[in-house]
PDB file of all heavy atoms in Angstrom:
ATOM      1  N   HIS A   1     200.001-122.861  18.356  1.00  0.00           N
ATOM      2  CA  HIS A   1     200.203-122.272  17.044  1.00  0.00           C
ATOM      3  C   HIS A   1     201.659-122.469  16.656  1.00  0.00           C
ATOM      4  O   HIS A   1     202.555-122.283  17.470  1.00  0.00           O
ATOM      5  CB  HIS A   1     199.860-120.783  17.090  1.00  0.00           C
ATOM      6  CG  HIS A   1     200.123-120.061  15.823  1.00  0.00           C
ATOM      7  ND1 HIS A   1     199.316-120.200  14.722  1.00  0.00           N
ATOM      8  CD2 HIS A   1     201.104-119.205  15.468  1.00  0.00           C
ATOM      9  CE1 HIS A   1     199.788-119.444  13.741  1.00  0.00           C
ATOM     10  NE2 HIS A   1     200.872-118.832  14.174  1.00  0.00           N
ATOM     11  N   VAL A   2     201.926-122.863  15.408  1.00  0.00           N
ATOM     12  CA  VAL A   2     203.288-123.099  14.943  1.00  0.00           C
ATOM     13  C   VAL A   2     203.582-122.188  13.767  1.00  0.00           C
ATOM     14  O   VAL A   2     202.794-122.093  12.825  1.00  0.00           O
ATOM     15  CB  VAL A   2     203.477-124.580  14.518  1.00  0.00           C
ATOM     16  CG1 VAL A   2     204.875-124.815  13.991  1.00  0.00           C
ATOM     17  CG2 VAL A   2     203.173-125.516  15.657  1.00  0.00           C
ATOM     18  N   GLU A   3     204.722-121.498  13.843  1.00  0.00           N
ATOM     19  CA  GLU A   3     205.230-120.687  12.735  1.00  0.00           C
ATOM     20  C   GLU A   3     206.670-121.100  12.496  1.00  0.00           C
ATOM     21  O   GLU A   3     207.554-120.754  13.285  1.00  0.00           O
ATOM     22  CB  GLU A   3     205.168-119.193  13.073  1.00  0.00           C
ATOM     23  CG  GLU A   3     203.791-118.606  13.025  1.00  0.00           C
ATOM     24  CD  GLU A   3     203.799-117.106  13.297  1.00  0.00           C
ATOM     25  OE1 GLU A   3     204.869-116.465  13.144  1.00  0.00           O
ATOM     26  OE2 GLU A   3     202.744-116.593  13.652  1.00  0.00           O
ATOM     27  N   GLY A   4     206.924-121.851  11.429  1.00  0.00           N
ATOM     28  CA  GLY A   4     208.272-122.340  11.169  1.00  0.00           C
ATOM     29  C   GLY A   4     208.698-123.289  12.273  1.00  0.00           C
ATOM     30  O   GLY A   4     208.024-124.263  12.568  1.00  0.00           O
ATOM     31  N   ASP A   5     209.845-122.980  12.910  1.00  0.00           N
ATOM     32  CA  ASP A   5     210.355-123.795  14.003  1.00  0.00           C
ATOM     33  C   ASP A   5     209.849-123.329  15.362  1.00  0.00           C
ATOM     34  O   ASP A   5     210.211-123.886  16.391  1.00  0.00           O
ATOM     35  CB  ASP A   5     211.885-123.757  14.016  1.00  0.00           C
ATOM     36  CG  ASP A   5     212.480-124.478  12.823  1.00  0.00           C
ATOM     37  OD1 ASP A   5     211.783-125.328  12.247  1.00  0.00           O
ATOM     38  OD2 ASP A   5     213.643-124.190  12.479  1.00  0.00           O
ATOM     39  N   THR A   6     209.015-122.288  15.399  1.00  0.00           N
ATOM     40  CA  THR A   6     208.542-121.716  16.651  1.00  0.00           C
ATOM     41  C   THR A   6     207.150-122.224  16.981  1.00  0.00           C
ATOM     42  O   THR A   6     206.252-122.155  16.150  1.00  0.00           O
ATOM     43  CB  THR A   6     208.517-120.172  16.573  1.00  0.00           C
ATOM     44  OG1 THR A   6     209.825-119.714  16.226  1.00  0.00           O
ATOM     45  CG2 THR A   6     208.102-119.567  17.890  1.00  0.00           C
ATOM     46  N   ARG A   7     207.004-122.732  18.196  1.00  0.00           N
ATOM     47  CA  ARG A   7     205.694-123.177  18.682  1.00  0.00           C
ATOM     48  C   ARG A   7     205.217-122.184  19.730  1.00  0.00           C
ATOM     49  O   ARG A   7     205.904-121.935  20.711  1.00  0.00           O
ATOM     50  CB  ARG A   7     205.778-124.558  19.311  1.00  0.00           C
ATOM     51  CG  ARG A   7     206.080-125.616  18.308  1.00  0.00           C
ATOM     52  CD  ARG A   7     206.101-126.958  18.953  1.00  0.00           C
ATOM     53  NE  ARG A   7     206.407-127.941  17.925  1.00  0.00           N
ATOM     54  CZ  ARG A   7     206.616-129.197  18.157  1.00  0.00           C
ATOM     55  NH1 ARG A   7     206.552-129.648  19.374  1.00  0.00           N
ATOM     56  NH2 ARG A   7     206.894-130.008  17.182  1.00  0.00           N
ATOM     57  N   TRP A   8     204.050-121.642  19.512  1.00  0.00           N
ATOM     58  CA  TRP A   8     203.464-120.682  20.438  1.00  0.00           C
ATOM     59  C   TRP A   8     202.605-121.445  21.429  1.00  0.00           C
ATOM     60  O   TRP A   8     201.580-122.014  21.071  1.00  0.00           O
ATOM     61  CB  TRP A   8     202.621-119.663  19.676  1.00  0.00           C
ATOM     62  CG  TRP A   8     203.427-118.820  18.745  1.00  0.00           C
ATOM     63  CD1 TRP A   8     204.132-119.237  17.652  1.00  0.00           C
ATOM     64  CD2 TRP A   8     203.650-117.422  18.833  1.00  0.00           C
ATOM     65  NE1 TRP A   8     204.755-118.180  17.054  1.00  0.00           N
ATOM     66  CE2 TRP A   8     204.468-117.052  17.758  1.00  0.00           C
ATOM     67  CE3 TRP A   8     203.209-116.437  19.716  1.00  0.00           C
ATOM     68  CZ2 TRP A   8     204.874-115.743  17.549  1.00  0.00           C
ATOM     69  CZ3 TRP A   8     203.615-115.133  19.497  1.00  0.00           C
ATOM     70  CH2 TRP A   8     204.443-114.801  18.429  1.00  0.00           C
ATOM     71  N   ILE A   9     203.013-121.455  22.687  1.00  0.00           N
ATOM     72  CA  ILE A   9     202.304-122.229  23.693  1.00  0.00           C
ATOM     73  C   ILE A   9     201.450-121.357  24.601  1.00  0.00           C
ATOM     74  O   ILE A   9     200.858-121.847  25.553  1.00  0.00           O
ATOM     75  CB  ILE A   9     203.281-123.063  24.533  1.00  0.00           C
ATOM     76  CG1 ILE A   9     204.261-122.159  25.270  1.00  0.00           C
ATOM     77  CG2 ILE A   9     204.018-124.058  23.663  1.00  0.00           C
ATOM     78  CD1 ILE A   9     205.069-122.884  26.307  1.00  0.00           C
ATOM     79  N   TYR A  10     201.399-120.077  24.311  1.00  0.00           N
ATOM     80  CA  TYR A  10     200.677-119.147  25.170  1.00  0.00           C
ATOM     81  C   TYR A  10     199.253-119.622  25.423  1.00  0.00           C
ATOM     82  O   TYR A  10     198.790-119.635  26.556  1.00  0.00           O
ATOM     83  CB  TYR A  10     200.675-117.753  24.544  1.00  0.00           C
ATOM     84  CG  TYR A  10     200.408-116.658  25.531  1.00  0.00           C
ATOM     85  CD1 TYR A  10     201.450-116.035  26.189  1.00  0.00           C
ATOM     86  CD2 TYR A  10     199.118-116.249  25.820  1.00  0.00           C
ATOM     87  CE1 TYR A  10     201.216-115.029  27.106  1.00  0.00           C
ATOM     88  CE2 TYR A  10     198.870-115.251  26.731  1.00  0.00           C
ATOM     89  CZ  TYR A  10     199.926-114.641  27.371  1.00  0.00           C
ATOM     90  OH  TYR A  10     199.679-113.655  28.282  1.00  0.00           O
ATOM     91  N   SER A  11     198.572-120.040  24.378  1.00  0.00           N
ATOM     92  CA  SER A  11     197.171-120.453  24.532  1.00  0.00           C
ATOM     93  C   SER A  11     197.028-121.717  25.380  1.00  0.00           C
ATOM     94  O   SER A  11     195.996-121.935  26.007  1.00  0.00           O
ATOM     95  CB  SER A  11     196.528-120.671  23.165  1.00  0.00           C
ATOM     96  OG  SER A  11     197.237-121.675  22.454  1.00  0.00           O
ATOM     97  N   ILE A  12     198.055-122.544  25.433  1.00  0.00           N
ATOM     98  CA  ILE A  12     198.022-123.746  26.247  1.00  0.00           C
ATOM     99  C   ILE A  12     198.311-123.418  27.708  1.00  0.00           C
ATOM    100  O   ILE A  12     197.701-123.982  28.620  1.00  0.00           O
ATOM    101  CB  ILE A  12     199.049-124.779  25.737  1.00  0.00           C
ATOM    102  CG1 ILE A  12     198.646-125.260  24.350  1.00  0.00           C
ATOM    103  CG2 ILE A  12     199.192-125.942  26.706  1.00  0.00           C
ATOM    104  CD1 ILE A  12     199.678-126.113  23.678  1.00  0.00           C
ATOM    105  N   MET A  13     199.224-122.492  27.942  1.00  0.00           N
ATOM    106  CA  MET A  13     199.649-122.214  29.311  1.00  0.00           C
ATOM    107  C   MET A  13     198.622-121.421  30.106  1.00  0.00           C
ATOM    108  O   MET A  13     198.588-121.526  31.330  1.00  0.00           O
ATOM    109  CB  MET A  13     201.000-121.486  29.316  1.00  0.00           C
ATOM    110  CG  MET A  13     202.168-122.368  28.902  1.00  0.00           C
ATOM    111  SD  MET A  13     202.289-123.938  29.809  1.00  0.00           S
ATOM    112  CE  MET A  13     202.609-123.358  31.465  1.00  0.00           C
ATOM    113  N   GLU A  14     197.783-120.658  29.445  1.00  0.00           N
ATOM    114  CA  GLU A  14     196.755-119.897  30.179  1.00  0.00           C
ATOM    115  C   GLU A  14     195.862-120.814  31.021  1.00  0.00           C
ATOM    116  O   GLU A  14     195.696-120.566  32.216  1.00  0.00           O
ATOM    117  CB  GLU A  14     195.918-119.057  29.216  1.00  0.00           C
ATOM    118  CG  GLU A  14     196.627-117.822  28.709  1.00  0.00           C
ATOM    119  CD  GLU A  14     197.041-116.875  29.816  1.00  0.00           C
ATOM    120  OE1 GLU A  14     196.252-116.625  30.745  1.00  0.00           O
ATOM    121  OE2 GLU A  14     198.181-116.385  29.754  1.00  0.00           O
ATOM    122  N   PRO A  15     195.287-121.880  30.448  1.00  0.00           N
ATOM    123  CA  PRO A  15     194.478-122.785  31.279  1.00  0.00           C
ATOM    124  C   PRO A  15     195.303-123.510  32.341  1.00  0.00           C
ATOM    125  O   PRO A  15     194.790-123.820  33.419  1.00  0.00           O
ATOM    126  CB  PRO A  15     193.890-123.781  30.282  1.00  0.00           C
ATOM    127  CG  PRO A  15     194.066-123.193  28.941  1.00  0.00           C
ATOM    128  CD  PRO A  15     195.194-122.224  29.030  1.00  0.00           C
ATOM    129  N   VAL A  16     196.576-123.773  32.060  1.00  0.00           N
ATOM    130  CA  VAL A  16     197.438-124.418  33.054  1.00  0.00           C
ATOM    131  C   VAL A  16     197.620-123.491  34.252  1.00  0.00           C
ATOM    132  O   VAL A  16     197.518-123.918  35.410  1.00  0.00           O
ATOM    133  CB  VAL A  16     198.800-124.818  32.437  1.00  0.00           C
ATOM    134  CG1 VAL A  16     199.783-125.266  33.517  1.00  0.00           C
ATOM    135  CG2 VAL A  16     198.616-125.907  31.397  1.00  0.00           C
ATOM    136  N   ILE A  17     197.865-122.214  33.997  1.00  0.00           N
ATOM    137  CA  ILE A  17     198.029-121.237  35.080  1.00  0.00           C
ATOM    138  C   ILE A  17     196.750-121.154  35.902  1.00  0.00           C
ATOM    139  O   ILE A  17     196.788-121.142  37.141  1.00  0.00           O
ATOM    140  CB  ILE A  17     198.447-119.871  34.516  1.00  0.00           C
ATOM    141  CG1 ILE A  17     199.869-119.956  33.934  1.00  0.00           C
ATOM    142  CG2 ILE A  17     198.362-118.783  35.581  1.00  0.00           C
ATOM    143  CD1 ILE A  17     200.271-118.762  33.079  1.00  0.00           C
ATOM    144  N   GLU A  18     195.606-121.117  35.232  1.00  0.00           N
ATOM    145  CA  GLU A  18     194.323-121.107  35.950  1.00  0.00           C
ATOM    146  C   GLU A  18     194.147-122.379  36.768  1.00  0.00           C
ATOM    147  O   GLU A  18     193.669-122.342  37.897  1.00  0.00           O
ATOM    148  CB  GLU A  18     193.159-120.937  34.972  1.00  0.00           C
ATOM    149  CG  GLU A  18     193.052-119.551  34.390  1.00  0.00           C
ATOM    150  CD  GLU A  18     192.862-118.482  35.453  1.00  0.00           C
ATOM    151  OE1 GLU A  18     192.057-118.688  36.390  1.00  0.00           O
ATOM    152  OE2 GLU A  18     193.524-117.439  35.354  1.00  0.00           O
ATOM    153  N   GLY A  19     194.549-123.516  36.201  1.00  0.00           N
ATOM    154  CA  GLY A  19     194.456-124.786  36.914  1.00  0.00           C
ATOM    155  C   GLY A  19     195.340-124.817  38.150  1.00  0.00           C
ATOM    156  O   GLY A  19     194.960-125.361  39.188  1.00  0.00           O
ATOM    157  N   ILE A  20     196.529-124.229  38.054  1.00  0.00           N
ATOM    158  CA  ILE A  20     197.409-124.132  39.224  1.00  0.00           C
ATOM    159  C   ILE A  20     196.709-123.327  40.306  1.00  0.00           C
ATOM    160  O   ILE A  20     196.674-123.723  41.474  1.00  0.00           O
ATOM    161  CB  ILE A  20     198.761-123.491  38.854  1.00  0.00           C
ATOM    162  CG1 ILE A  20     199.565-124.398  37.917  1.00  0.00           C
ATOM    163  CG2 ILE A  20     199.572-123.171  40.122  1.00  0.00           C
ATOM    164  CD1 ILE A  20     200.778-123.738  37.300  1.00  0.00           C
ATOM    165  N   ARG A  21     196.128-122.205  39.914  1.00  0.00           N
ATOM    166  CA  ARG A  21     195.414-121.358  40.883  1.00  0.00           C
ATOM    167  C   ARG A  21     194.230-122.087  41.521  1.00  0.00           C
ATOM    168  O   ARG A  21     193.899-121.845  42.674  1.00  0.00           O
ATOM    169  CB  ARG A  21     194.928-120.084  40.200  1.00  0.00           C
ATOM    170  CG  ARG A  21     196.049-119.139  39.854  1.00  0.00           C
ATOM    171  CD  ARG A  21     195.505-117.856  39.262  1.00  0.00           C
ATOM    172  NE  ARG A  21     196.590-117.021  38.816  1.00  0.00           N
ATOM    173  CZ  ARG A  21     196.611-116.361  37.679  1.00  0.00           C
ATOM    174  NH1 ARG A  21     195.569-116.414  36.855  1.00  0.00           N
ATOM    175  NH2 ARG A  21     197.647-115.619  37.338  1.00  0.00           N
ATOM    176  N   ASP A  22     193.617-122.979  40.741  1.00  0.00           N
ATOM    177  CA  ASP A  22     192.467-123.740  41.245  1.00  0.00           C
ATOM    178  C   ASP A  22     192.881-124.990  42.022  1.00  0.00           C
ATOM    179  O   ASP A  22     192.019-125.720  42.516  1.00  0.00           O
ATOM    180  CB  ASP A  22     191.548-124.147  40.086  1.00  0.00           C
ATOM    181  CG  ASP A  22     190.856-122.954  39.447  1.00  0.00           C
ATOM    182  OD1 ASP A  22     190.787-121.877  40.083  1.00  0.00           O
ATOM    183  OD2 ASP A  22     190.391-123.091  38.295  1.00  0.00           O
ATOM    184  N   GLY A  23     194.175-125.261  42.079  1.00  0.00           N
ATOM    185  CA  GLY A  23     194.663-126.407  42.843  1.00  0.00           C
ATOM    186  C   GLY A  23     194.678-127.722  42.102  1.00  0.00           C
ATOM    187  O   GLY A  23     194.774-128.779  42.732  1.00  0.00           O
ATOM    188  N   ASP A  24     194.605-127.707  40.792  1.00  0.00           N
ATOM    189  CA  ASP A  24     194.626-128.934  40.000  1.00  0.00           C
ATOM    190  C   ASP A  24     196.033-129.551  40.039  1.00  0.00           C
ATOM    191  O   ASP A  24     196.997-128.916  39.595  1.00  0.00           O
ATOM    192  CB  ASP A  24     194.227-128.620  38.557  1.00  0.00           C
ATOM    193  CG  ASP A  24     194.161-129.852  37.682  1.00  0.00           C
ATOM    194  OD1 ASP A  24     195.110-130.669  37.708  1.00  0.00           O
ATOM    195  OD2 ASP A  24     193.170-129.994  36.952  1.00  0.00           O
ATOM    196  N   PRO A  25     196.184-130.775  40.587  1.00  0.00           N
ATOM    197  CA  PRO A  25     197.520-131.383  40.701  1.00  0.00           C
ATOM    198  C   PRO A  25     198.232-131.569  39.361  1.00  0.00           C
ATOM    199  O   PRO A  25     199.455-131.432  39.291  1.00  0.00           O
ATOM    200  CB  PRO A  25     197.248-132.741  41.355  1.00  0.00           C
ATOM    201  CG  PRO A  25     195.885-132.645  41.937  1.00  0.00           C
ATOM    202  CD  PRO A  25     195.138-131.609  41.154  1.00  0.00           C
ATOM    203  N   ALA A  26     197.484-131.899  38.310  1.00  0.00           N
ATOM    204  CA  ALA A  26     198.114-132.075  37.001  1.00  0.00           C
ATOM    205  C   ALA A  26     198.676-130.750  36.493  1.00  0.00           C
ATOM    206  O   ALA A  26     199.763-130.701  35.906  1.00  0.00           O
ATOM    207  CB  ALA A  26     197.108-132.643  35.999  1.00  0.00           C
ATOM    208  N   CYS A  27     197.959-129.669  36.722  1.00  0.00           N
ATOM    209  CA  CYS A  27     198.431-128.350  36.296  1.00  0.00           C
ATOM    210  C   CYS A  27     199.640-127.914  37.116  1.00  0.00           C
ATOM    211  O   CYS A  27     200.564-127.296  36.583  1.00  0.00           O
ATOM    212  CB  CYS A  27     197.310-127.319  36.396  1.00  0.00           C
ATOM    213  SG  CYS A  27     196.026-127.569  35.152  1.00  0.00           S
ATOM    214  N   VAL A  28     199.655-128.251  38.403  1.00  0.00           N
ATOM    215  CA  VAL A  28     200.817-127.943  39.235  1.00  0.00           C
ATOM    216  C   VAL A  28     202.034-128.676  38.677  1.00  0.00           C
ATOM    217  O   VAL A  28     203.113-128.082  38.536  1.00  0.00           O
ATOM    218  CB  VAL A  28     200.563-128.311  40.713  1.00  0.00           C
ATOM    219  CG1 VAL A  28     201.847-128.214  41.533  1.00  0.00           C
ATOM    220  CG2 VAL A  28     199.486-127.409  41.307  1.00  0.00           C
ATOM    221  N   GLU A  29     201.866-129.947  38.332  1.00  0.00           N
ATOM    222  CA  GLU A  29     202.971-130.717  37.749  1.00  0.00           C
ATOM    223  C   GLU A  29     203.455-130.075  36.452  1.00  0.00           C
ATOM    224  O   GLU A  29     204.660-129.936  36.228  1.00  0.00           O
ATOM    225  CB  GLU A  29     202.547-132.168  37.505  1.00  0.00           C
ATOM    226  CG  GLU A  29     203.582-133.016  36.794  1.00  0.00           C
ATOM    227  CD  GLU A  29     204.883-133.218  37.572  1.00  0.00           C
ATOM    228  OE1 GLU A  29     204.870-133.141  38.810  1.00  0.00           O
ATOM    229  OE2 GLU A  29     205.922-133.451  36.919  1.00  0.00           O
ATOM    230  N   LEU A  30     202.525-129.692  35.581  1.00  0.00           N
ATOM    231  CA  LEU A  30     202.912-129.026  34.330  1.00  0.00           C
ATOM    232  C   LEU A  30     203.631-127.713  34.604  1.00  0.00           C
ATOM    233  O   LEU A  30     204.598-127.360  33.914  1.00  0.00           O
ATOM    234  CB  LEU A  30     201.685-128.773  33.455  1.00  0.00           C
ATOM    235  CG  LEU A  30     201.074-130.003  32.793  1.00  0.00           C
ATOM    236  CD1 LEU A  30     199.748-129.647  32.129  1.00  0.00           C
ATOM    237  CD2 LEU A  30     202.040-130.602  31.784  1.00  0.00           C
ATOM    238  N   GLY A  31     203.193-126.980  35.618  1.00  0.00           N
ATOM    239  CA  GLY A  31     203.847-125.728  35.976  1.00  0.00           C
ATOM    240  C   GLY A  31     205.277-125.940  36.441  1.00  0.00           C
ATOM    241  O   GLY A  31     206.189-125.211  36.048  1.00  0.00           O
ATOM    242  N   VAL A  32     205.480-126.956  37.266  1.00  0.00           N
ATOM    243  CA  VAL A  32     206.834-127.271  37.729  1.00  0.00           C
ATOM    244  C   VAL A  32     207.706-127.671  36.541  1.00  0.00           C
ATOM    245  O   VAL A  32     208.843-127.202  36.407  1.00  0.00           O
ATOM    246  CB  VAL A  32     206.807-128.377  38.811  1.00  0.00           C
ATOM    247  CG1 VAL A  32     208.216-128.853  39.149  1.00  0.00           C
ATOM    248  CG2 VAL A  32     206.099-127.865  40.063  1.00  0.00           C
ATOM    249  N   GLU A  33     207.182-128.494  35.649  1.00  0.00           N
ATOM    250  CA  GLU A  33     207.931-128.895  34.453  1.00  0.00           C
ATOM    251  C   GLU A  33     208.259-127.681  33.585  1.00  0.00           C
ATOM    252  O   GLU A  33     209.338-127.601  32.996  1.00  0.00           O
ATOM    253  CB  GLU A  33     207.143-129.922  33.650  1.00  0.00           C
ATOM    254  CG  GLU A  33     207.105-131.284  34.293  1.00  0.00           C
ATOM    255  CD  GLU A  33     206.304-132.295  33.496  1.00  0.00           C
ATOM    256  OE1 GLU A  33     205.929-132.011  32.325  1.00  0.00           O
ATOM    257  OE2 GLU A  33     206.044-133.391  34.031  1.00  0.00           O
ATOM    258  N   PHE A  34     207.341-126.745  33.509  1.00  0.00           N
ATOM    259  CA  PHE A  34     207.566-125.546  32.707  1.00  0.00           C
ATOM    260  C   PHE A  34     208.699-124.708  33.308  1.00  0.00           C
ATOM    261  O   PHE A  34     209.546-124.196  32.578  1.00  0.00           O
ATOM    262  CB  PHE A  34     206.274-124.737  32.607  1.00  0.00           C
ATOM    263  CG  PHE A  34     206.331-123.611  31.617  1.00  0.00           C
ATOM    264  CD1 PHE A  34     206.464-123.873  30.262  1.00  0.00           C
ATOM    265  CD2 PHE A  34     206.245-122.305  32.033  1.00  0.00           C
ATOM    266  CE1 PHE A  34     206.509-122.836  29.340  1.00  0.00           C
ATOM    267  CE2 PHE A  34     206.284-121.260  31.119  1.00  0.00           C
ATOM    268  CZ  PHE A  34     206.420-121.531  29.773  1.00  0.00           C
ATOM    269  N   ILE A  35     208.732-124.584  34.621  1.00  0.00           N
ATOM    270  CA  ILE A  35     209.824-123.856  35.275  1.00  0.00           C
ATOM    271  C   ILE A  35     211.148-124.582  35.032  1.00  0.00           C
ATOM    272  O   ILE A  35     212.184-123.948  34.822  1.00  0.00           O
ATOM    273  CB  ILE A  35     209.562-123.699  36.795  1.00  0.00           C
ATOM    274  CG1 ILE A  35     208.317-122.861  37.059  1.00  0.00           C
ATOM    275  CG2 ILE A  35     210.789-123.114  37.511  1.00  0.00           C
ATOM    276  CD1 ILE A  35     208.382-121.420  36.643  1.00  0.00           C
ATOM    277  N   GLU A  36     211.114-125.893  35.034  1.00  0.00           N
ATOM    278  CA  GLU A  36     212.328-126.680  34.801  1.00  0.00           C
ATOM    279  C   GLU A  36     212.805-126.608  33.353  1.00  0.00           C
ATOM    280  O   GLU A  36     213.981-126.852  33.084  1.00  0.00           O
ATOM    281  CB  GLU A  36     212.085-128.144  35.156  1.00  0.00           C
ATOM    282  CG  GLU A  36     211.921-128.411  36.630  1.00  0.00           C
ATOM    283  CD  GLU A  36     211.576-129.852  36.924  1.00  0.00           C
ATOM    284  OE1 GLU A  36     210.788-130.467  36.174  1.00  0.00           O
ATOM    285  OE2 GLU A  36     212.093-130.363  37.934  1.00  0.00           O
ATOM    286  N   SER A  37     211.924-126.275  32.443  1.00  0.00           N
ATOM    287  CA  SER A  37     212.288-126.287  31.020  1.00  0.00           C
ATOM    288  C   SER A  37     213.302-125.190  30.722  1.00  0.00           C
ATOM    289  O   SER A  37     213.297-124.127  31.328  1.00  0.00           O
ATOM    290  CB  SER A  37     211.053-126.108  30.144  1.00  0.00           C
ATOM    291  OG  SER A  37     210.547-124.794  30.254  1.00  0.00           O
TER     292      SER A  37
END
């Protein structure tokens, strides 16, 4: 969701967090990138 210059990523990160818990390597990579951001 975008409001002005703000992008709301909450809805995207929920499935990524679940994917990390499920052991999905792509989600783990996204999680590491998110921590690095």
